[in-house]
Amino acid sequence: MHKDSGHRLHIEQPGRPRLYQFDDLPGYEVVGVITLAGRSGALVRKYSNGIYSMANSGILRPLDQRRVKMALGIGTNAGAPPKMQGGARHNVYLDAESIDIAMELGGGNISKGIRLALRVRADADCDELPKPAAA
């Protein structure tokens, strides 16, 4: 009889991750213990991008993010973003400062930041528009 344990993923939270990864890894948070294909290790998540990995004595192994998030009960945010009513896709060329401002306004979403800035500008109801900077 064939066993399917090679593809089984099991996560324990909090588990005992220090059995597999004694020291903290800089830039990573320890989430729990993961067992995949008969191998166990500490489940760690990178702070900067949220990518999950298996850690054993400082060695990081990549994991299928969809399977890990499914096991943790987290949505994958896969697929196209929801469509806006009356919206259309447009490419915009912005300098680094404008991108930073738009990301801050939109909570990390450049498009949302641009929409908010345009709405504030429209709500201000200014008669005189500023002159665009020379390219």
Protein backbone atom coordinates (compact mmCIF):
# COMPACT_ATOMS: atom_id res chain seq x y z
CA MET A 1 0.00 0.00 0.00
CA HIS A 2 1.32 3.45 -0.96
CA LYS A 3 1.75 6.07 1.74
CA ASP A 4 1.25 9.73 0.83
CA SER A 5 3.35 11.02 3.74
CA GLY A 6 5.93 12.50 1.34
CA HIS A 7 3.56 15.31 0.42
CA ARG A 8 1.97 15.86 3.81
CA LEU A 9 2.63 19.16 5.53
CA HIS A 10 2.01 19.58 9.24
CA ILE A 11 2.52 22.76 11.28
CA GLU A 12 2.56 23.00 15.08
CA GLN A 13 2.13 26.40 16.67
CA PRO A 14 4.01 27.20 18.81
CA GLY A 15 5.58 23.73 18.94
CA ARG A 16 9.22 23.46 20.01
CA PRO A 17 11.17 25.21 17.23
CA ARG A 18 14.30 25.58 19.38
CA LEU A 19 14.91 21.85 18.89
CA TYR A 20 15.71 22.64 15.25
CA GLN A 21 16.92 26.26 15.30
CA PHE A 22 18.63 27.23 18.56
CA ASP A 23 19.66 30.80 17.70
CA ASP A 24 17.47 33.57 16.31
CA LEU A 25 18.04 34.28 12.64
CA PRO A 26 18.46 38.00 11.92
CA GLY A 27 15.46 39.29 9.96
CA TYR A 28 13.28 36.24 10.69
CA GLU A 29 10.54 35.50 13.20
CA VAL A 30 9.99 31.97 14.50
CA VAL A 31 6.41 30.85 13.84
CA GLY A 32 6.36 27.20 14.91
CA VAL A 33 7.46 23.74 13.82
CA ILE A 34 6.88 22.35 10.32
CA THR A 35 7.06 18.75 9.19
CA LEU A 36 7.26 18.11 5.47
CA ALA A 37 8.07 14.82 3.74
CA GLY A 38 9.25 13.30 7.02
CA ARG A 39 11.61 16.19 7.78
CA SER A 40 10.98 18.60 10.63
CA GLY A 41 12.34 22.06 11.27
CA ALA A 42 11.54 25.46 12.66
CA LEU A 43 9.01 27.40 10.58
CA VAL A 44 10.35 30.93 10.16
CA ARG A 45 8.95 33.99 8.39
CA LYS A 46 11.12 36.73 6.91
CA TYR A 47 10.10 40.16 8.24
CA SER A 48 10.80 42.07 5.02
CA ASN A 49 8.67 40.02 2.61
CA GLY A 50 6.67 37.50 4.65
CA ILE A 51 8.23 34.44 2.97
CA TYR A 52 8.12 31.24 5.03
CA SER A 53 11.09 28.85 5.22
CA MET A 54 12.13 25.75 7.15
CA ALA A 55 15.20 26.34 9.35
CA ASN A 56 17.53 23.65 10.65
CA SER A 57 20.74 24.74 12.41
CA GLY A 58 20.96 27.95 10.38
CA ILE A 59 20.17 26.32 7.02
CA LEU A 60 17.04 27.69 5.34
CA ARG A 61 14.99 25.51 3.01
CA PRO A 62 12.41 27.09 0.69
CA LEU A 63 8.77 26.07 1.09
CA ASP A 64 5.70 26.17 -1.13
CA GLN A 65 4.13 29.39 0.15
CA ARG A 66 0.61 28.42 -0.94
CA ARG A 67 0.69 25.18 1.06
CA VAL A 68 2.16 26.84 4.16
CA LYS A 69 -0.41 29.65 4.10
CA MET A 70 -3.22 27.14 3.57
CA ALA A 71 -2.00 25.11 6.57
CA LEU A 72 -1.82 28.30 8.66
CA GLY A 73 -5.27 29.42 7.49
CA ILE A 74 -3.93 32.54 5.75
CA GLY A 75 -5.28 33.75 2.38
CA THR A 76 -2.75 33.66 -0.45
CA ASN A 77 -3.94 36.84 -2.21
CA ALA A 78 -3.35 34.98 -5.46
CA GLY A 79 -5.00 36.02 -8.66
CA ALA A 80 -6.00 39.34 -10.10
CA PRO A 81 -7.00 42.12 -7.72
CA PRO A 82 -10.68 42.98 -7.56
CA LYS A 83 -11.92 45.24 -10.36
CA MET A 84 -13.20 48.73 -9.62
CA GLN A 85 -16.50 49.87 -11.02
CA GLY A 86 -15.66 52.05 -14.05
CA GLY A 87 -11.91 51.51 -13.57
CA ALA A 88 -9.31 51.05 -16.28
CA ARG A 89 -5.65 50.07 -16.18
CA HIS A 90 -3.11 52.82 -17.02
CA ASN A 91 0.68 52.80 -16.80
CA VAL A 92 2.15 55.79 -14.98
CA TYR A 93 5.78 56.92 -14.91
CA LEU A 94 6.74 58.42 -11.53
CA ASP A 95 9.94 59.61 -9.89
CA ALA A 96 11.13 57.93 -6.67
CA GLU A 97 9.83 60.73 -4.41
CA SER A 98 6.32 60.55 -5.93
CA ILE A 99 6.31 56.75 -5.53
CA ASP A 100 7.25 57.09 -1.85
CA ILE A 101 4.50 59.67 -1.28
CA ALA A 102 1.88 57.56 -3.10
CA MET A 103 2.89 54.44 -1.15
CA GLU A 104 2.62 56.33 2.14
CA LEU A 105 -0.78 57.79 1.25
CA GLY A 106 -2.08 54.42 0.03
CA GLY A 107 -0.72 52.30 2.86
CA GLY A 108 1.76 50.54 0.55
CA ASN A 109 -0.53 50.62 -2.50
CA ILE A 110 0.70 53.14 -5.10
CA SER A 111 -2.57 53.17 -7.07
CA LYS A 112 -4.60 53.84 -3.94
CA GLY A 113 -2.22 56.65 -2.98
CA ILE A 114 -2.63 58.28 -6.40
CA ARG A 115 -6.43 57.99 -6.17
CA LEU A 116 -6.43 59.57 -2.68
CA ALA A 117 -4.19 62.43 -3.82
CA LEU A 118 -6.45 63.09 -6.81
CA ARG A 119 -9.54 63.04 -4.59
CA VAL A 120 -7.95 65.52 -2.15
CA ARG A 121 -7.01 67.75 -5.07
CA ALA A 122 -10.55 67.59 -6.50
CA ASP A 123 -12.08 68.26 -3.08
CA ALA A 124 -9.85 71.32 -2.61
CA ASP A 125 -11.64 72.83 -5.63
CA CYS A 126 -8.74 75.06 -6.55
CA ASP A 127 -9.28 77.51 -9.39
CA GLU A 128 -5.63 77.71 -10.29
CA LEU A 129 -3.80 74.51 -11.16
CA PRO A 130 -0.07 74.32 -10.44
CA LYS A 131 2.19 74.34 -13.48
CA PRO A 132 3.82 70.97 -14.17
CA ALA A 133 7.57 70.70 -13.66
CA ALA A 134 9.68 70.90 -16.81
CA ALA A 135 10.87 67.50 -17.97
